Amino acid sequence: MADGKFATSVSCMDGRIQSPLVQWIKKNYPIDFVDVITEPGIDKKISEDSSLNSIRAKIEISINAHKSKLIVVSGHYDCAGNPVSDGEHISQIKKGVEIISSWNLGVNVIGIWVDNSWNPNLV
């Protein structure tokens, strides 16, 4: 088992958002490490509930092996994998939070929008 407190970030693969997300999570929660699960445009993929077996399996590894107690679903400005409006991203993030919460994994699930200044915002 891993030592320390973990969270899990379910985010786009875009490297511009990784540091801001990890920093925000560590600032706002008592977390030592953040497991990162990425896919291009992941907020759209989760919100459409398409082929989520791989993502769910990765989340379950984070929960079971690292005892992650927080799942952060995010989307971001200027996403090449999901080029939709900010409002659509935020709707998809909220839907993704609902879907992952419905899995009853016994953890807190929140949504974060990373804006055009690369600032994470709770949604």
N, C-alpha and C. Protein backbone atom coordinates (compact mmCIF):
# COMPACT_ATOMS: atom_id res chain seq x y z
N MET A 1 0.82 -1.19 0.00
CA MET A 1 0.00 0.00 0.00
C MET A 1 0.87 1.26 0.00
N ALA A 2 0.37 2.27 -0.64
CA ALA A 2 1.08 3.55 -0.71
C ALA A 2 0.87 4.35 0.56
N ASP A 3 1.89 5.05 0.98
CA ASP A 3 1.78 5.94 2.14
C ASP A 3 1.36 7.32 1.67
N GLY A 4 0.63 8.03 2.50
CA GLY A 4 0.18 9.38 2.17
C GLY A 4 -1.27 9.39 1.77
N LYS A 5 -1.83 10.58 1.66
CA LYS A 5 -3.23 10.76 1.28
C LYS A 5 -3.31 11.09 -0.20
N PHE A 6 -4.20 10.37 -0.89
CA PHE A 6 -4.33 10.49 -2.34
C PHE A 6 -5.68 11.06 -2.75
N ALA A 7 -5.66 11.73 -3.89
CA ALA A 7 -6.85 12.11 -4.64
C ALA A 7 -6.63 11.59 -6.05
N THR A 8 -7.69 11.59 -6.85
CA THR A 8 -7.61 11.14 -8.23
C THR A 8 -8.14 12.23 -9.14
N SER A 9 -7.32 12.64 -10.11
CA SER A 9 -7.73 13.63 -11.10
C SER A 9 -8.10 12.90 -12.39
N VAL A 10 -9.32 13.10 -12.85
CA VAL A 10 -9.80 12.55 -14.11
C VAL A 10 -9.88 13.75 -15.05
N SER A 11 -8.86 13.89 -15.90
CA SER A 11 -8.70 15.14 -16.64
C SER A 11 -8.27 14.90 -18.09
N CYS A 12 -8.31 15.98 -18.84
CA CYS A 12 -7.81 15.96 -20.21
C CYS A 12 -6.30 15.73 -20.17
N MET A 13 -5.78 15.19 -21.24
CA MET A 13 -4.34 14.92 -21.33
C MET A 13 -3.51 16.18 -21.50
N ASP A 14 -4.15 17.31 -21.76
CA ASP A 14 -3.45 18.57 -22.02
C ASP A 14 -2.55 18.93 -20.84
N GLY A 15 -1.26 19.02 -21.08
CA GLY A 15 -0.29 19.29 -20.04
C GLY A 15 -0.43 20.64 -19.37
N ARG A 16 -1.13 21.58 -20.04
CA ARG A 16 -1.29 22.92 -19.45
C ARG A 16 -2.13 22.90 -18.19
N ILE A 17 -2.99 21.91 -18.03
CA ILE A 17 -3.88 21.92 -16.86
C ILE A 17 -3.39 21.06 -15.70
N GLN A 18 -2.40 20.23 -15.91
CA GLN A 18 -1.99 19.30 -14.86
C GLN A 18 -1.48 20.00 -13.61
N SER A 19 -0.53 20.90 -13.75
CA SER A 19 0.01 21.60 -12.57
C SER A 19 -1.04 22.43 -11.85
N PRO A 20 -1.83 23.25 -12.57
CA PRO A 20 -2.86 24.02 -11.86
C PRO A 20 -3.85 23.14 -11.10
N LEU A 21 -4.23 22.00 -11.69
CA LEU A 21 -5.17 21.11 -11.02
C LEU A 21 -4.56 20.50 -9.76
N VAL A 22 -3.36 19.96 -9.88
CA VAL A 22 -2.71 19.33 -8.73
C VAL A 22 -2.50 20.35 -7.62
N GLN A 23 -2.05 21.54 -7.97
CA GLN A 23 -1.84 22.58 -6.96
C GLN A 23 -3.15 22.96 -6.27
N TRP A 24 -4.23 23.09 -7.04
CA TRP A 24 -5.53 23.44 -6.47
C TRP A 24 -6.01 22.35 -5.52
N ILE A 25 -5.90 21.10 -5.95
CA ILE A 25 -6.34 19.99 -5.11
C ILE A 25 -5.57 19.98 -3.78
N LYS A 26 -4.25 20.11 -3.86
CA LYS A 26 -3.43 20.08 -2.64
C LYS A 26 -3.69 21.29 -1.74
N LYS A 27 -4.02 22.42 -2.34
CA LYS A 27 -4.30 23.63 -1.55
C LYS A 27 -5.64 23.51 -0.82
N ASN A 28 -6.62 22.86 -1.45
CA ASN A 28 -7.98 22.84 -0.92
C ASN A 28 -8.36 21.57 -0.16
N TYR A 29 -7.53 20.55 -0.23
CA TYR A 29 -7.81 19.28 0.45
C TYR A 29 -6.52 18.78 1.09
N PRO A 30 -6.62 18.00 2.16
CA PRO A 30 -5.41 17.47 2.81
C PRO A 30 -4.85 16.28 2.03
N ILE A 31 -4.24 16.57 0.88
CA ILE A 31 -3.77 15.56 -0.06
C ILE A 31 -2.25 15.66 -0.22
N ASP A 32 -1.59 14.50 -0.25
CA ASP A 32 -0.15 14.44 -0.49
C ASP A 32 0.18 14.18 -1.96
N PHE A 33 -0.64 13.32 -2.60
CA PHE A 33 -0.37 12.89 -3.97
C PHE A 33 -1.67 12.87 -4.78
N VAL A 34 -1.54 13.08 -6.09
CA VAL A 34 -2.69 13.04 -6.98
C VAL A 34 -2.42 12.04 -8.10
N ASP A 35 -3.23 10.97 -8.14
CA ASP A 35 -3.19 10.05 -9.27
C ASP A 35 -3.89 10.75 -10.44
N VAL A 36 -3.34 10.64 -11.64
CA VAL A 36 -3.89 11.35 -12.79
C VAL A 36 -4.30 10.36 -13.88
N ILE A 37 -5.57 10.40 -14.24
CA ILE A 37 -6.14 9.58 -15.31
C ILE A 37 -6.50 10.54 -16.43
N THR A 38 -5.92 10.34 -17.61
CA THR A 38 -6.15 11.31 -18.69
C THR A 38 -6.67 10.66 -19.96
N GLU A 39 -7.43 11.44 -20.69
CA GLU A 39 -7.91 11.15 -22.04
C GLU A 39 -8.15 12.51 -22.69
N PRO A 40 -7.98 12.64 -23.99
CA PRO A 40 -8.32 13.91 -24.62
C PRO A 40 -9.82 14.17 -24.50
N GLY A 41 -10.18 15.37 -24.06
CA GLY A 41 -11.60 15.73 -23.95
C GLY A 41 -12.38 14.81 -23.03
N ILE A 42 -11.81 14.44 -21.90
CA ILE A 42 -12.41 13.43 -21.03
C ILE A 42 -13.76 13.84 -20.47
N ASP A 43 -14.01 15.15 -20.30
CA ASP A 43 -15.31 15.58 -19.78
C ASP A 43 -16.44 15.15 -20.72
N LYS A 44 -16.22 15.25 -22.02
CA LYS A 44 -17.22 14.82 -22.99
C LYS A 44 -17.40 13.30 -22.92
N LYS A 45 -16.30 12.57 -22.88
CA LYS A 45 -16.36 11.11 -22.86
C LYS A 45 -17.16 10.61 -21.66
N ILE A 46 -16.89 11.17 -20.50
CA ILE A 46 -17.60 10.72 -19.30
C ILE A 46 -19.06 11.13 -19.35
N SER A 47 -19.33 12.37 -19.77
CA SER A 47 -20.71 12.86 -19.77
C SER A 47 -21.60 12.09 -20.74
N GLU A 48 -21.00 11.54 -21.79
CA GLU A 48 -21.77 10.74 -22.74
C GLU A 48 -21.84 9.28 -22.32
N ASP A 49 -21.17 8.96 -21.20
CA ASP A 49 -21.19 7.61 -20.62
C ASP A 49 -20.79 6.56 -21.66
N SER A 50 -19.77 6.88 -22.47
CA SER A 50 -19.35 5.95 -23.51
C SER A 50 -18.06 5.23 -23.13
N SER A 51 -18.10 3.93 -23.15
CA SER A 51 -16.91 3.10 -22.91
C SER A 51 -16.13 3.55 -21.68
N LEU A 52 -16.78 3.55 -20.55
CA LEU A 52 -16.15 4.03 -19.33
C LEU A 52 -15.48 2.92 -18.52
N ASN A 53 -15.47 1.70 -19.02
CA ASN A 53 -14.88 0.60 -18.26
C ASN A 53 -13.42 0.85 -17.92
N SER A 54 -12.65 1.36 -18.86
CA SER A 54 -11.23 1.61 -18.63
C SER A 54 -11.03 2.72 -17.59
N ILE A 55 -11.79 3.79 -17.72
CA ILE A 55 -11.68 4.90 -16.76
C ILE A 55 -12.10 4.43 -15.38
N ARG A 56 -13.20 3.70 -15.30
CA ARG A 56 -13.66 3.21 -13.99
C ARG A 56 -12.62 2.28 -13.37
N ALA A 57 -12.04 1.40 -14.16
CA ALA A 57 -11.02 0.48 -13.64
C ALA A 57 -9.84 1.26 -13.07
N LYS A 58 -9.42 2.32 -13.74
CA LYS A 58 -8.30 3.13 -13.26
C LYS A 58 -8.67 3.86 -11.96
N ILE A 59 -9.88 4.38 -11.90
CA ILE A 59 -10.34 5.03 -10.68
C ILE A 59 -10.36 4.03 -9.53
N GLU A 60 -10.84 2.82 -9.78
CA GLU A 60 -10.90 1.80 -8.74
C GLU A 60 -9.51 1.40 -8.26
N ILE A 61 -8.53 1.38 -9.15
CA ILE A 61 -7.15 1.11 -8.72
C ILE A 61 -6.69 2.20 -7.76
N SER A 62 -6.96 3.45 -8.11
CA SER A 62 -6.57 4.57 -7.26
C SER A 62 -7.24 4.47 -5.89
N ILE A 63 -8.50 4.11 -5.87
CA ILE A 63 -9.24 3.99 -4.61
C ILE A 63 -8.73 2.78 -3.81
N ASN A 64 -8.59 1.64 -4.47
CA ASN A 64 -8.23 0.41 -3.76
C ASN A 64 -6.76 0.35 -3.36
N ALA A 65 -5.86 0.77 -4.22
CA ALA A 65 -4.43 0.66 -3.93
C ALA A 65 -3.90 1.86 -3.14
N HIS A 66 -4.43 3.05 -3.45
CA HIS A 66 -3.90 4.27 -2.81
C HIS A 66 -4.87 4.88 -1.81
N LYS A 67 -6.05 4.28 -1.68
CA LYS A 67 -7.07 4.77 -0.74
C LYS A 67 -7.51 6.20 -1.06
N SER A 68 -7.55 6.53 -2.33
CA SER A 68 -8.02 7.86 -2.74
C SER A 68 -9.42 8.08 -2.21
N LYS A 69 -9.65 9.26 -1.66
CA LYS A 69 -10.96 9.61 -1.11
C LYS A 69 -11.64 10.74 -1.89
N LEU A 70 -10.98 11.23 -2.94
CA LEU A 70 -11.49 12.36 -3.71
C LEU A 70 -11.25 12.10 -5.20
N ILE A 71 -12.31 12.25 -5.99
CA ILE A 71 -12.21 12.16 -7.45
C ILE A 71 -12.54 13.55 -8.00
N VAL A 72 -11.65 14.09 -8.83
CA VAL A 72 -11.85 15.40 -9.43
C VAL A 72 -12.03 15.23 -10.93
N VAL A 73 -13.22 15.55 -11.42
CA VAL A 73 -13.53 15.49 -12.85
C VAL A 73 -13.36 16.90 -13.38
N SER A 74 -12.60 17.05 -14.46
CA SER A 74 -12.34 18.41 -14.95
C SER A 74 -12.45 18.52 -16.46
N GLY A 75 -12.56 19.76 -16.87
CA GLY A 75 -12.50 20.15 -18.26
C GLY A 75 -11.80 21.49 -18.32
N HIS A 76 -11.43 21.93 -19.52
CA HIS A 76 -10.65 23.17 -19.58
C HIS A 76 -10.89 23.96 -20.86
N TYR A 77 -10.56 25.22 -20.75
CA TYR A 77 -10.57 26.16 -21.86
C TYR A 77 -9.63 25.67 -22.96
N ASP A 78 -9.97 25.92 -24.22
CA ASP A 78 -9.11 25.65 -25.38
C ASP A 78 -8.77 24.17 -25.52
N CYS A 79 -9.75 23.31 -25.29
CA CYS A 79 -9.54 21.86 -25.36
C CYS A 79 -9.61 21.38 -26.81
N ALA A 80 -8.50 20.82 -27.29
CA ALA A 80 -8.46 20.31 -28.67
C ALA A 80 -9.28 19.04 -28.82
N GLY A 81 -9.38 18.25 -27.76
CA GLY A 81 -10.12 16.99 -27.82
C GLY A 81 -11.62 17.14 -27.68
N ASN A 82 -12.06 18.32 -27.23
CA ASN A 82 -13.48 18.60 -27.03
C ASN A 82 -13.71 20.09 -27.25
N PRO A 83 -13.67 20.55 -28.51
CA PRO A 83 -13.76 21.99 -28.81
C PRO A 83 -15.19 22.52 -28.77
N VAL A 84 -15.71 22.68 -27.54
CA VAL A 84 -17.06 23.21 -27.36
C VAL A 84 -16.99 24.46 -26.48
N SER A 85 -18.12 25.11 -26.27
CA SER A 85 -18.16 26.33 -25.46
C SER A 85 -17.83 26.02 -24.00
N ASP A 86 -17.45 27.07 -23.27
CA ASP A 86 -17.19 26.92 -21.84
C ASP A 86 -18.42 26.37 -21.13
N GLY A 87 -19.58 26.88 -21.48
CA GLY A 87 -20.82 26.42 -20.86
C GLY A 87 -21.08 24.95 -21.09
N GLU A 88 -20.79 24.48 -22.31
CA GLU A 88 -20.97 23.05 -22.61
C GLU A 88 -19.99 22.21 -21.79
N HIS A 89 -18.74 22.66 -21.68
CA HIS A 89 -17.78 21.95 -20.83
C HIS A 89 -18.30 21.84 -19.40
N ILE A 90 -18.78 22.94 -18.86
CA ILE A 90 -19.24 22.94 -17.47
C ILE A 90 -20.42 21.98 -17.30
N SER A 91 -21.33 21.95 -18.27
CA SER A 91 -22.44 20.99 -18.23
C SER A 91 -21.92 19.56 -18.27
N GLN A 92 -20.94 19.30 -19.12
CA GLN A 92 -20.37 17.96 -19.22
C GLN A 92 -19.66 17.55 -17.92
N ILE A 93 -18.95 18.49 -17.31
CA ILE A 93 -18.28 18.20 -16.04
C ILE A 93 -19.31 17.83 -14.99
N LYS A 94 -20.37 18.60 -14.88
CA LYS A 94 -21.43 18.31 -13.90
C LYS A 94 -22.05 16.94 -14.16
N LYS A 95 -22.29 16.62 -15.41
CA LYS A 95 -22.85 15.31 -15.76
C LYS A 95 -21.85 14.20 -15.42
N GLY A 96 -20.57 14.44 -15.67
CA GLY A 96 -19.54 13.46 -15.33
C GLY A 96 -19.47 13.20 -13.84
N VAL A 97 -19.61 14.26 -13.04
CA VAL A 97 -19.64 14.11 -11.58
C VAL A 97 -20.84 13.24 -11.18
N GLU A 98 -22.00 13.48 -11.79
CA GLU A 98 -23.19 12.68 -11.49
C GLU A 98 -22.96 11.22 -11.84
N ILE A 99 -22.38 10.97 -13.01
CA ILE A 99 -22.17 9.59 -13.44
C ILE A 99 -21.20 8.87 -12.52
N ILE A 100 -20.06 9.47 -12.24
CA ILE A 100 -19.08 8.80 -11.37
C ILE A 100 -19.64 8.66 -9.96
N SER A 101 -20.37 9.65 -9.47
CA SER A 101 -21.00 9.53 -8.15
C SER A 101 -21.99 8.37 -8.11
N SER A 102 -22.66 8.11 -9.23
CA SER A 102 -23.66 7.03 -9.28
C SER A 102 -23.02 5.65 -9.17
N TRP A 103 -21.70 5.56 -9.31
CA TRP A 103 -21.01 4.28 -9.17
C TRP A 103 -20.89 3.86 -7.70
N ASN A 104 -21.24 4.76 -6.78
CA ASN A 104 -21.21 4.46 -5.35
C ASN A 104 -19.88 3.87 -4.90
N LEU A 105 -18.81 4.61 -5.18
CA LEU A 105 -17.47 4.14 -4.84
C LEU A 105 -17.04 4.53 -3.42
N GLY A 106 -17.90 5.25 -2.71
CA GLY A 106 -17.60 5.63 -1.35
C GLY A 106 -16.59 6.75 -1.22
N VAL A 107 -16.50 7.60 -2.24
CA VAL A 107 -15.56 8.73 -2.23
C VAL A 107 -16.30 10.00 -2.63
N ASN A 108 -15.70 11.14 -2.33
CA ASN A 108 -16.24 12.43 -2.74
C ASN A 108 -15.87 12.67 -4.21
N VAL A 109 -16.83 13.13 -5.01
CA VAL A 109 -16.59 13.43 -6.42
C VAL A 109 -16.95 14.89 -6.66
N ILE A 110 -16.00 15.66 -7.20
CA ILE A 110 -16.24 17.08 -7.48
C ILE A 110 -15.87 17.40 -8.93
N GLY A 111 -16.33 18.54 -9.40
CA GLY A 111 -16.02 19.01 -10.74
C GLY A 111 -15.23 20.31 -10.71
N ILE A 112 -14.28 20.41 -11.63
CA ILE A 112 -13.44 21.61 -11.74
C ILE A 112 -13.40 22.06 -13.20
N TRP A 113 -13.60 23.35 -13.42
CA TRP A 113 -13.42 23.97 -14.73
C TRP A 113 -12.13 24.78 -14.67
N VAL A 114 -11.22 24.55 -15.62
CA VAL A 114 -9.98 25.32 -15.71
C VAL A 114 -10.18 26.38 -16.78
N ASP A 115 -10.19 27.64 -16.36
CA ASP A 115 -10.56 28.73 -17.26
C ASP A 115 -9.41 29.20 -18.16
N ASN A 116 -9.66 30.27 -18.92
CA ASN A 116 -8.69 30.75 -19.90
C ASN A 116 -7.43 31.37 -19.28
N SER A 117 -7.42 31.55 -17.97
CA SER A 117 -6.21 31.99 -17.25
C SER A 117 -5.54 30.82 -16.55
N TRP A 118 -6.03 29.61 -16.81
CA TRP A 118 -5.52 28.35 -16.24
C TRP A 118 -5.75 28.28 -14.74
N ASN A 119 -6.86 28.91 -14.29
CA ASN A 119 -7.25 28.85 -12.89
C ASN A 119 -8.36 27.82 -12.71
N PRO A 120 -8.19 26.86 -11.81
CA PRO A 120 -9.26 25.89 -11.52
C PRO A 120 -10.41 26.55 -10.76
N ASN A 121 -11.63 26.21 -11.13
CA ASN A 121 -12.83 26.74 -10.49
C ASN A 121 -13.78 25.59 -10.19
N LEU A 122 -14.23 25.50 -8.96
CA LEU A 122 -15.20 24.48 -8.56
C LEU A 122 -16.51 24.73 -9.29
N VAL A 123 -17.10 23.67 -9.84
CA VAL A 123 -18.41 23.81 -10.51
C VAL A 123 -19.46 22.98 -9.79
